[in-house]
């Protein structure tokens, strides 16, 4: 009787299988395929996608990418599969943002300017914010008055916990003329101000207004021979590219080198970056003496456009309205050199394309810099460049940035299209992601995000201490409608 029961059961099971549709079989097969892909798929090719993860290969650096869309109040951290693992909320839209070693988030915040004139130049913020590991706002500071306004970038000094901010300061037409300026308009200076979040006090300050030279008005301040003073800023130099005439310098990034105790700032409108000494007191920073190099707050090194100090011509200009001058980590490929996002490399060629360039400052062992025999600084060309195979395929007229990674790869943010991509040292794209957030929120896959601008993105590799404070479990893609299999390398 037991044998008959087993026999009848087998016959019944066979009949059930025979009655199953093709769809029933396909569901079973798909489930098996998904399990296999979830445990083995590390490369992804979503070349037909409009947003989210486009490309991922095995040569991508392991880590997490932080970005904050300019039209959103949120900041996002995604893994190499383009999936969200952490987010932060603010009441304000941003420019720059950083995940710190202690897990705190440092970001800028965009206020409505008390003096609406400060909104004419682009990059305005007005406020810096600090969020703890729970996402709570623990500190903020504002520069927003009729004469001062914070803008663009900030920098955290890990050894002290202090924060460097960039502040425009408006000088009247009379003040500008007394400084030797011939343009006939009010002029903005640039300040780098160091804040202590614990006391909310200014602990150090540098002002470009203290380091000027001009050779047009002998009866006014700062008169001298421009070419003989490359350590000073020619208040009458103009490339004609300023979006707002008063904003003659338009600095857009600040970076700190702790081993040198130096600061590099990037000037879009001068098409050059320059390095200053941070070892000075505030009083010394306002002078031409003091500090480790006995140079006060004068420029230690500058590069990109020697025409700014009456040396060379158009053929000697190498940088064009660039962004994000930053030191490469000393342990990385090209360590100790400066990387920039050269926004309008094709400027003199009449072609719209960008490059990522690395410059060797040839810093001396004591941290000083030497003038060349022709009174210029550094080498006359780049030590490394990334350029698209078809150069016009890579272009961002403004914003944007790039950072070197420990394996020699470079993470690039093409800010005007919200596109982040990582390239090897040989220029091969190994990861690509398009920001799916625009002013309306997250768009669906196969839709096109409008104005999905991002000031910059930063990749934090898996051993970065600031990541230890978060779970980093995938929460899925930010956009809806993406359907692909991907695993993050262990």
Protein backbone atom coordinates (compact mmCIF):
# COMPACT_ATOMS: atom_id res chain seq x y z
CA UNK A 1 0.00 0.00 0.00
CA UNK A 2 2.93 2.26 0.77
CA UNK A 3 4.47 1.52 -2.64
CA UNK A 4 1.17 2.38 -4.38
CA UNK A 5 1.02 5.71 -2.51
CA UNK A 6 4.52 6.68 -3.64
CA UNK A 7 3.77 5.58 -7.20
CA UNK A 8 0.53 7.58 -7.32
CA UNK A 9 2.29 10.65 -5.84
CA UNK A 10 4.98 10.56 -8.50
CA UNK A 11 2.37 10.28 -11.24
CA UNK A 12 0.48 13.26 -9.80
CA UNK A 13 3.69 15.36 -9.64
CA UNK A 14 4.47 14.48 -13.27
CA UNK A 15 0.99 15.61 -14.33
CA UNK A 16 1.44 18.93 -12.50
CA UNK A 17 4.75 19.56 -14.26
CA UNK A 18 3.24 18.70 -17.60
CA UNK A 19 0.47 21.24 -17.04
CA UNK A 20 2.89 24.09 -16.21
CA UNK A 21 3.20 26.93 -18.77
CA UNK A 22 6.44 28.18 -20.30
CA UNK A 23 6.11 31.25 -18.07
CA UNK A 24 6.23 29.07 -14.99
CA UNK A 25 9.53 27.62 -16.14
CA UNK A 26 11.00 31.01 -17.00
CA UNK A 27 10.33 32.32 -13.49
CA UNK A 28 12.32 29.44 -12.01
CA UNK A 29 15.17 29.92 -14.46
CA UNK A 30 15.34 33.70 -13.89
CA UNK A 31 15.58 33.19 -10.16
CA UNK A 32 18.56 30.90 -10.62
CA UNK A 33 20.26 33.37 -12.99
CA UNK A 34 19.74 36.25 -10.56
CA UNK A 35 21.34 34.31 -7.74
CA UNK A 36 24.36 33.59 -9.92
CA UNK A 37 24.69 37.21 -11.07
CA UNK A 38 24.34 38.64 -7.57
CA UNK A 39 27.35 36.66 -6.41
CA UNK A 40 29.57 37.16 -9.45
CA UNK A 41 28.72 40.34 -11.38
CA UNK A 42 31.38 42.98 -10.68
CA UNK A 43 31.37 44.59 -14.14
CA UNK A 44 28.43 46.54 -15.48
CA UNK A 45 27.63 48.01 -18.89
CA UNK A 46 24.52 50.20 -18.84
CA UNK A 47 25.44 52.16 -21.94
CA UNK A 48 21.76 52.75 -22.77
CA UNK A 49 21.03 54.35 -19.38
CA UNK A 50 20.46 58.09 -19.06
CA UNK A 51 21.19 58.39 -15.31
CA UNK A 52 22.74 56.37 -12.51
CA UNK A 53 25.47 53.78 -13.02
CA UNK A 54 26.62 53.66 -16.63
CA UNK A 55 29.89 51.72 -16.45
CA UNK A 56 31.78 49.68 -13.87
CA UNK A 57 34.84 47.52 -14.48
CA UNK A 58 37.13 45.51 -12.22
CA UNK A 59 39.75 48.26 -12.40
CA UNK A 60 37.67 50.75 -10.44
CA UNK A 61 39.09 51.73 -7.04
CA UNK A 62 37.13 50.27 -4.14
CA UNK A 63 35.29 53.03 -2.35
CA UNK A 64 32.29 55.33 -2.04
CA UNK A 65 31.50 58.55 -3.92
CA UNK A 66 30.11 61.61 -2.15
CA UNK A 67 28.10 64.18 -4.10
CA UNK A 68 25.58 66.92 -3.42
CA UNK A 69 23.59 68.30 -6.38
CA UNK A 70 23.60 72.09 -6.55
CA UNK A 71 19.79 72.15 -6.91
CA UNK A 72 19.17 69.79 -3.95
CA UNK A 73 19.45 70.19 -0.17
CA UNK A 74 20.60 66.56 0.21
CA UNK A 75 24.06 65.02 0.12
CA UNK A 76 24.50 61.42 -1.07
CA UNK A 77 27.08 58.67 -0.63
CA UNK A 78 26.93 55.86 -3.19
CA UNK A 79 28.91 52.65 -3.66
CA UNK A 80 30.58 51.48 -6.85
CA UNK A 81 27.30 49.87 -7.95
CA UNK A 82 25.66 53.30 -7.97
CA UNK A 83 23.52 52.40 -4.95
CA UNK A 84 22.83 54.74 -2.03
CA UNK A 85 24.46 53.84 1.29
CA UNK A 86 24.14 57.12 3.26
CA UNK A 87 22.53 60.54 2.94
CA UNK A 88 22.37 63.84 4.82
CA UNK A 89 19.78 66.62 4.78
CA UNK A 90 20.20 70.38 5.08
CA UNK A 91 17.88 73.33 4.79
CA UNK A 92 20.08 74.80 2.05
CA UNK A 93 21.52 73.91 -1.32
CA UNK A 94 25.34 73.54 -1.47
CA UNK A 95 28.51 74.21 -3.33
CA UNK A 96 31.41 72.30 -1.64
CA UNK A 97 31.07 69.36 0.81
CA UNK A 98 33.44 66.89 2.52
CA UNK A 99 33.23 63.77 4.70
CA UNK A 100 35.74 64.24 7.52
CA UNK A 101 37.88 61.60 9.24
CA UNK A 102 35.64 61.74 12.31
CA UNK A 103 32.53 60.96 10.23
CA UNK A 104 31.23 64.54 10.30
CA UNK A 105 29.99 66.19 7.12
CA UNK A 106 31.33 69.67 6.31
CA UNK A 107 29.38 71.54 3.65
CA UNK A 108 28.60 75.00 2.36
CA UNK A 109 25.07 76.39 2.24
CA UNK A 110 23.55 78.91 -0.15
CA UNK A 111 21.84 81.91 1.41
CA UNK A 112 20.06 84.82 -0.18
CA UNK A 113 22.67 87.58 -0.14
CA UNK A 114 21.95 90.70 1.92
CA UNK A 115 23.75 92.54 -0.88
CA UNK A 116 22.25 91.08 -4.07
CA UNK A 117 25.33 92.20 -6.00
CA UNK A 118 27.17 89.16 -4.60
CA UNK A 119 24.79 86.90 -6.51
CA UNK A 120 26.02 88.22 -9.86
CA UNK A 121 29.30 86.29 -10.01
CA UNK A 122 28.32 82.66 -9.31
CA UNK A 123 29.49 80.34 -6.55
CA UNK A 124 27.82 82.26 -3.71
CA UNK A 125 27.12 80.43 -0.44
CA UNK A 126 27.11 82.68 2.64
CA UNK A 127 27.25 79.86 5.17
CA UNK A 128 29.29 76.82 6.26
CA UNK A 129 27.73 73.90 8.16
CA UNK A 130 28.98 70.91 10.17
CA UNK A 131 26.84 67.78 10.73
CA UNK A 132 27.68 64.98 13.18
CA UNK A 133 27.52 61.24 12.50
CA UNK A 134 23.80 61.22 13.34
CA UNK A 135 23.17 63.86 10.69
CA UNK A 136 22.49 66.61 13.22
CA UNK A 137 23.70 70.17 12.61
CA UNK A 138 26.33 70.93 15.29
CA UNK A 139 27.81 74.23 14.03
CA UNK A 140 27.39 76.85 11.37
CA UNK A 141 28.89 80.24 10.57
CA UNK A 142 27.76 82.93 8.14
CA UNK A 143 29.41 85.76 6.23
CA UNK A 144 26.52 87.65 4.68
CA UNK A 145 26.55 91.44 4.91
CA UNK A 146 26.56 94.45 2.61
CA UNK A 147 30.36 94.17 2.21
CA UNK A 148 31.19 90.47 2.82
CA UNK A 149 29.89 87.17 1.47
CA UNK A 150 31.17 83.60 1.68
CA UNK A 151 31.52 81.63 -1.54
CA UNK A 152 32.53 78.38 -3.26
CA UNK A 153 34.85 76.19 -1.22
CA UNK A 154 35.86 75.35 2.35
CA UNK A 155 38.74 73.30 3.77
CA UNK A 156 39.04 71.35 7.03
CA UNK A 157 42.36 71.24 8.88
CA UNK A 158 42.42 67.80 10.52
CA UNK A 159 45.19 68.62 13.01
CA UNK A 160 43.32 71.53 14.59
CA UNK A 161 39.68 71.02 13.64
CA UNK A 162 39.62 74.52 12.16
CA UNK A 163 37.89 75.42 8.91
CA UNK A 164 39.16 77.65 6.09
CA UNK A 165 36.46 79.61 4.25
CA UNK A 166 36.56 81.93 1.24
CA UNK A 167 35.00 85.38 1.57
CA UNK A 168 34.45 88.18 -0.91
CA UNK A 169 34.96 91.69 0.48
CA UNK A 170 33.60 94.65 -1.47
CA UNK A 171 35.74 97.80 -1.70
CA UNK A 172 34.17 101.05 -2.90
CA UNK A 173 35.19 102.78 -6.11
CA UNK A 174 37.14 105.28 -4.04
CA UNK A 175 38.99 102.53 -2.15
CA UNK A 176 39.75 100.73 -5.41
CA UNK A 177 41.14 103.90 -7.02
CA UNK A 178 43.30 104.58 -3.97
CA UNK A 179 44.71 101.05 -4.39
CA UNK A 180 45.74 102.01 -7.94
CA UNK A 181 42.84 100.39 -9.80
CA UNK A 182 41.89 102.04 -13.10
CA UNK A 183 38.63 100.21 -13.88
CA UNK A 184 36.25 102.72 -12.40
CA UNK A 185 34.05 100.22 -10.52
CA UNK A 186 33.90 98.89 -6.97
CA UNK A 187 36.27 95.93 -6.57
CA UNK A 188 35.99 92.73 -4.55
CA UNK A 189 38.96 91.43 -2.64
CA UNK A 190 39.33 87.78 -1.59
CA UNK A 191 39.86 86.65 1.98
CA UNK A 192 40.83 83.26 3.35
CA UNK A 193 39.50 83.13 6.91
CA UNK A 194 40.24 80.36 9.42
CA UNK A 195 37.42 79.62 11.87
CA UNK A 196 37.49 77.59 15.09
CA UNK A 197 34.13 75.77 15.31
CA UNK A 198 34.53 75.27 19.06
CA UNK A 199 34.71 78.99 19.80
CA UNK A 200 33.14 80.22 16.54
CA UNK A 201 35.98 82.74 16.35
CA UNK A 202 38.34 83.80 13.54
CA UNK A 203 41.85 82.56 14.39
CA UNK A 204 43.71 83.51 11.19
CA UNK A 205 43.11 85.60 8.11
CA UNK A 206 44.70 86.38 4.75
CA UNK A 207 43.49 89.17 2.46
CA UNK A 208 44.49 89.59 -1.19
CA UNK A 209 44.03 93.36 -0.75
CA UNK A 210 47.27 93.43 1.28
CA UNK A 211 49.31 92.02 -1.62
CA UNK A 212 48.73 94.25 -4.63
CA UNK A 213 50.94 95.94 -7.21
CA UNK A 214 50.11 98.28 -10.09
CA UNK A 215 52.05 100.34 -12.61
CA UNK A 216 49.35 102.67 -14.00
CA UNK A 217 48.83 105.26 -11.26
CA UNK A 218 52.04 106.62 -9.79
CA UNK A 219 50.27 108.77 -7.21
CA UNK A 220 48.26 105.93 -5.71
CA UNK A 221 49.09 102.99 -3.44
CA UNK A 222 50.88 99.82 -4.58
CA UNK A 223 52.76 101.54 -7.41
CA UNK A 224 55.70 99.53 -8.74
CA UNK A 225 57.02 97.43 -11.62
CA UNK A 226 54.65 94.49 -12.03
CA UNK A 227 57.25 92.22 -13.66
CA UNK A 228 59.62 92.80 -10.74
CA UNK A 229 56.99 91.73 -8.21
CA UNK A 230 55.65 88.27 -9.13
CA UNK A 231 54.83 87.75 -5.44
CA UNK A 232 52.06 90.36 -5.73
CA UNK A 233 48.75 90.58 -7.60
CA UNK A 234 48.42 93.15 -10.38
CA UNK A 235 45.20 94.92 -9.46
CA UNK A 236 44.77 96.12 -13.05
CA UNK A 237 45.21 92.78 -14.80
CA UNK A 238 42.08 91.64 -16.60
CA UNK A 239 41.62 88.72 -18.95
CA UNK A 240 38.19 90.00 -19.94
CA UNK A 241 36.59 86.75 -18.78
CA UNK A 242 35.06 87.92 -15.50
CA UNK A 243 31.34 87.17 -15.32
CA UNK A 244 31.03 90.20 -13.07
CA UNK A 245 33.63 92.97 -13.45
CA UNK A 246 34.05 93.68 -9.73
CA UNK A 247 34.90 90.01 -9.11
CA UNK A 248 38.34 90.31 -10.71
CA UNK A 249 39.96 87.29 -9.01
CA UNK A 250 37.05 84.85 -8.61
CA UNK A 251 38.78 82.25 -6.46
CA UNK A 252 36.87 78.98 -6.49
CA UNK A 253 38.88 76.45 -4.44
CA UNK A 254 41.10 76.28 -1.37
CA UNK A 255 43.29 73.35 -0.30
CA UNK A 256 45.64 72.93 2.65
CA UNK A 257 48.94 71.01 2.73
CA UNK A 258 49.66 70.13 6.36
CA UNK A 259 53.23 68.93 5.84
CA UNK A 260 54.16 72.26 4.21
CA UNK A 261 51.70 74.38 6.21
CA UNK A 262 50.74 76.05 2.94
CA UNK A 263 47.48 76.91 1.20
CA UNK A 264 46.76 76.74 -2.53
CA UNK A 265 43.94 78.89 -3.90
CA UNK A 266 42.61 78.82 -7.42
CA UNK A 267 41.75 81.98 -9.37
CA UNK A 268 39.41 81.38 -12.30
CA UNK A 269 39.61 84.90 -13.71
CA UNK A 270 43.41 85.07 -13.58
CA UNK A 271 43.62 81.52 -14.99
CA UNK A 272 46.22 80.57 -12.41
CA UNK A 273 46.57 79.11 -8.94
CA UNK A 274 48.89 80.40 -6.27
CA UNK A 275 50.34 79.17 -2.98
CA UNK A 276 50.60 81.18 0.25
CA UNK A 277 52.17 80.54 3.65
CA UNK A 278 49.87 79.50 6.50
CA UNK A 279 52.61 79.57 9.16
CA UNK A 280 52.21 83.34 9.53
CA UNK A 281 50.26 85.20 12.15
CA UNK A 282 47.35 87.27 10.88
CA UNK A 283 49.51 90.40 11.20
CA UNK A 284 52.32 88.76 9.24
CA UNK A 285 49.85 87.51 6.62
CA UNK A 286 48.91 91.16 6.01
CA UNK A 287 52.56 92.09 5.45
CA UNK A 288 55.50 91.06 3.28
CA UNK A 289 57.57 89.55 6.08
CA UNK A 290 57.25 86.77 8.66
CA UNK A 291 56.35 83.11 8.65
CA UNK A 292 58.61 80.15 7.87
CA UNK A 293 59.69 81.68 4.56
CA UNK A 294 59.87 85.29 5.80
CA UNK A 295 57.53 86.19 2.97
CA UNK A 296 54.51 87.24 5.00
CA UNK A 297 51.32 86.76 3.02
CA UNK A 298 52.93 87.33 -0.38
CA UNK A 299 52.66 84.64 -3.04
CA UNK A 300 55.19 81.80 -2.71
CA UNK A 301 54.40 80.16 -6.05
CA UNK A 302 51.99 80.81 -8.91
CA UNK A 303 51.34 78.95 -12.17
CA UNK A 304 49.04 78.89 -15.17
CA UNK A 305 49.22 82.32 -16.77
CA UNK A 306 52.45 84.35 -16.39
CA UNK A 307 50.81 87.27 -18.20
CA UNK A 308 49.24 88.16 -14.85
CA UNK A 309 52.65 89.44 -13.73
CA UNK A 310 53.78 90.77 -17.13
CA UNK A 311 55.75 87.70 -18.18
CA UNK A 312 55.16 85.82 -21.44
CA UNK A 313 52.21 85.98 -23.82
CA UNK A 314 49.19 83.94 -24.89
CA UNK A 315 51.42 81.03 -25.91
CA UNK A 316 52.69 80.73 -22.34
CA UNK A 317 49.22 80.46 -20.81
CA UNK A 318 48.43 76.87 -19.76
CA UNK A 319 45.33 77.19 -17.60
CA UNK A 320 41.99 78.55 -18.74
CA UNK A 321 39.24 79.43 -16.25
CA UNK A 322 40.13 76.31 -14.24
CA UNK A 323 38.74 74.89 -10.98
CA UNK A 324 39.75 72.74 -8.01
CA UNK A 325 43.52 73.18 -7.63
CA UNK A 326 44.53 70.55 -5.07
CA UNK A 327 47.64 68.77 -3.85
CA UNK A 328 47.96 65.09 -4.74
CA UNK A 329 48.62 62.94 -1.66
CA UNK A 330 52.37 62.45 -1.28
CA UNK A 331 51.96 58.63 -1.30
CA UNK A 332 50.03 58.60 -4.59
CA UNK A 333 51.10 58.70 -8.23
CA UNK A 334 52.54 62.20 -8.91
CA UNK A 335 52.44 62.80 -5.15
CA UNK A 336 53.04 66.35 -3.96
CA UNK A 337 52.08 67.88 -7.30
CA UNK A 338 49.00 70.01 -8.05
CA UNK A 339 45.99 68.71 -9.99
CA UNK A 340 43.48 71.05 -11.66
CA UNK A 341 40.31 70.75 -13.72
CA UNK A 342 41.30 72.87 -16.73
CA UNK A 343 37.79 73.88 -17.81
CA UNK A 344 38.38 75.66 -21.11
CA UNK A 345 41.60 74.16 -22.44
CA UNK A 346 40.52 74.87 -26.01
CA UNK A 347 40.02 78.56 -25.30
CA UNK A 348 42.66 79.86 -27.71
CA UNK A 349 41.82 77.20 -30.28
CA UNK A 350 38.16 78.14 -30.45
CA UNK A 351 37.20 74.60 -29.39
CA UNK A 352 35.17 73.66 -26.32
CA UNK A 353 36.94 70.93 -24.36
CA UNK A 354 38.41 70.35 -20.91
CA UNK A 355 41.41 68.47 -19.55
CA UNK A 356 42.64 67.29 -16.16
CA UNK A 357 46.22 68.45 -15.66
CA UNK A 358 48.98 67.88 -13.11
CA UNK A 359 51.68 70.46 -12.41
CA UNK A 360 55.00 69.85 -10.67
CA UNK A 361 55.72 72.91 -8.52
CA UNK A 362 59.33 71.74 -8.04
CA UNK A 363 59.07 72.57 -4.36
CA UNK A 364 62.42 72.66 -2.55
CA UNK A 365 63.17 70.35 0.38
CA UNK A 366 62.51 73.19 2.83
CA UNK A 367 59.11 73.97 1.27
CA UNK A 368 60.28 77.05 -0.62
CA UNK A 369 60.05 77.69 -4.37
CA UNK A 370 62.55 79.14 -6.81
CA UNK A 371 62.05 81.52 -9.70
CA UNK A 372 63.32 80.43 -13.09
CA UNK A 373 65.93 82.53 -14.84
CA UNK A 374 63.14 84.12 -16.91
CA UNK A 375 61.34 85.13 -13.67
CA UNK A 376 58.56 82.58 -14.05
CA UNK A 377 57.73 79.68 -11.72
CA UNK A 378 57.96 75.93 -12.22
CA UNK A 379 57.99 73.82 -15.35
CA UNK A 380 56.58 75.17 -18.60
CA UNK A 381 54.14 72.28 -19.10
CA UNK A 382 52.15 69.54 -17.38
CA UNK A 383 53.52 66.27 -16.04
CA UNK A 384 50.25 64.39 -16.67
CA UNK A 385 47.08 65.14 -18.61
CA UNK A 386 43.77 63.41 -19.14
CA UNK A 387 42.03 64.34 -22.38
CA UNK A 388 39.14 62.51 -24.04
CA UNK A 389 40.00 60.55 -27.20
CA UNK A 390 37.77 62.99 -29.03
CA UNK A 391 38.61 66.03 -26.95
CA UNK A 392 35.22 67.73 -27.34
CA UNK A 393 33.53 64.70 -25.69
CA UNK A 394 34.75 66.00 -22.32
CA UNK A 395 33.80 69.58 -21.47
CA UNK A 396 32.54 71.57 -18.52
CA UNK A 397 32.68 75.34 -18.95
CA UNK A 398 32.62 75.91 -15.19
CA UNK A 399 32.41 74.26 -11.73
CA UNK A 400 33.84 70.65 -11.69
CA UNK A 401 36.90 69.00 -10.16
CA UNK A 402 39.25 66.00 -10.08
CA UNK A 403 41.16 64.04 -7.43
CA UNK A 404 43.87 61.39 -7.64
CA UNK A 405 43.22 58.02 -5.93
CA UNK A 406 45.67 55.66 -4.23
CA UNK A 407 45.79 53.15 -7.11
CA UNK A 408 46.75 55.85 -9.63
CA UNK A 409 43.23 56.33 -10.94
CA UNK A 410 41.63 59.79 -11.04
CA UNK A 411 38.04 60.58 -10.07
CA UNK A 412 36.59 63.36 -12.24
CA UNK A 413 33.42 65.41 -11.82
CA UNK A 414 32.15 66.98 -15.04
CA UNK A 415 29.96 69.29 -13.02
CA UNK A 416 27.80 70.91 -15.70
CA UNK A 417 26.41 67.52 -16.80
CA UNK A 418 26.47 65.91 -13.34
CA UNK A 419 28.73 63.18 -14.70
CA UNK A 420 31.30 61.43 -12.49
CA UNK A 421 33.85 59.12 -14.00
CA UNK A 422 37.04 57.41 -12.92
CA UNK A 423 39.98 56.92 -15.28
CA UNK A 424 43.18 54.91 -15.00
CA UNK A 425 46.55 56.61 -15.23
CA UNK A 426 46.50 55.67 -18.93
CA UNK A 427 43.16 57.41 -19.41
CA UNK A 428 40.80 54.42 -19.61
CA UNK A 429 37.32 55.01 -18.14
CA UNK A 430 36.65 52.29 -15.54
CA UNK A 431 33.55 53.76 -13.80
CA UNK A 432 30.89 56.25 -14.80
CA UNK A 433 27.80 57.60 -13.07
CA UNK A 434 25.32 60.36 -13.98
CA UNK A 435 23.63 62.29 -11.16
CA UNK A 436 19.88 61.49 -11.33
CA UNK A 437 18.88 64.45 -9.14
CA UNK A 438 17.71 67.69 -10.71
CA UNK A 439 15.61 70.57 -9.40
CA UNK A 440 12.50 68.36 -9.44
CA UNK A 441 14.08 65.51 -7.44
CA UNK A 442 15.15 62.07 -8.65
CA UNK A 443 14.19 61.32 -12.24
CA UNK A 444 13.23 57.89 -13.55
CA UNK A 445 15.64 55.81 -15.57
CA UNK A 446 15.58 56.64 -19.31
CA UNK A 447 14.49 60.19 -18.45
CA UNK A 448 16.99 63.02 -18.80
CA UNK A 449 17.87 65.00 -15.71
CA UNK A 450 17.72 68.76 -16.28
CA UNK A 451 20.25 71.04 -14.59
CA UNK A 452 21.68 68.17 -12.55
CA UNK A 453 24.77 70.28 -11.78
CA UNK A 454 27.27 69.17 -9.14
CA UNK A 455 30.03 71.47 -7.90
CA UNK A 456 32.37 68.56 -7.23
CA UNK A 457 32.41 64.90 -6.17
CA UNK A 458 34.87 63.08 -3.90
CA UNK A 459 35.67 59.36 -3.71
CA UNK A 460 36.55 57.94 -0.30
CA UNK A 461 38.36 54.61 -0.48
CA UNK A 462 37.23 51.76 1.76
CA UNK A 463 39.98 52.28 4.36
CA UNK A 464 39.01 55.93 4.96
CA UNK A 465 38.32 56.38 8.68
CA UNK A 466 35.30 58.61 8.12
CA UNK A 467 33.37 55.67 6.66
CA UNK A 468 33.62 53.61 9.86
CA UNK A 469 30.72 55.51 11.44
CA UNK A 470 28.12 54.30 8.94
CA UNK A 471 26.44 51.00 8.09
CA UNK A 472 27.03 51.41 4.31
CA UNK A 473 24.37 48.81 3.48
CA UNK A 474 22.89 49.31 0.02
CA UNK A 475 19.55 51.11 -0.04
CA UNK A 476 19.10 50.61 -3.78
CA UNK A 477 19.50 53.14 -6.56
CA UNK A 478 18.46 56.76 -6.05
CA UNK A 479 16.58 56.77 -9.35
CA UNK A 480 13.70 54.37 -10.02
CA UNK A 481 13.57 52.07 -13.03
CA UNK A 482 17.18 50.86 -13.01
CA UNK A 483 17.42 47.10 -13.41
CA UNK A 484 20.85 45.50 -13.42
CA UNK A 485 22.94 43.09 -11.37
CA UNK A 486 26.04 44.34 -9.61
CA UNK A 487 28.21 43.42 -6.66
CA UNK A 488 30.79 45.52 -4.89
CA UNK A 489 34.23 43.95 -4.76
CA UNK A 490 35.13 42.62 -1.31
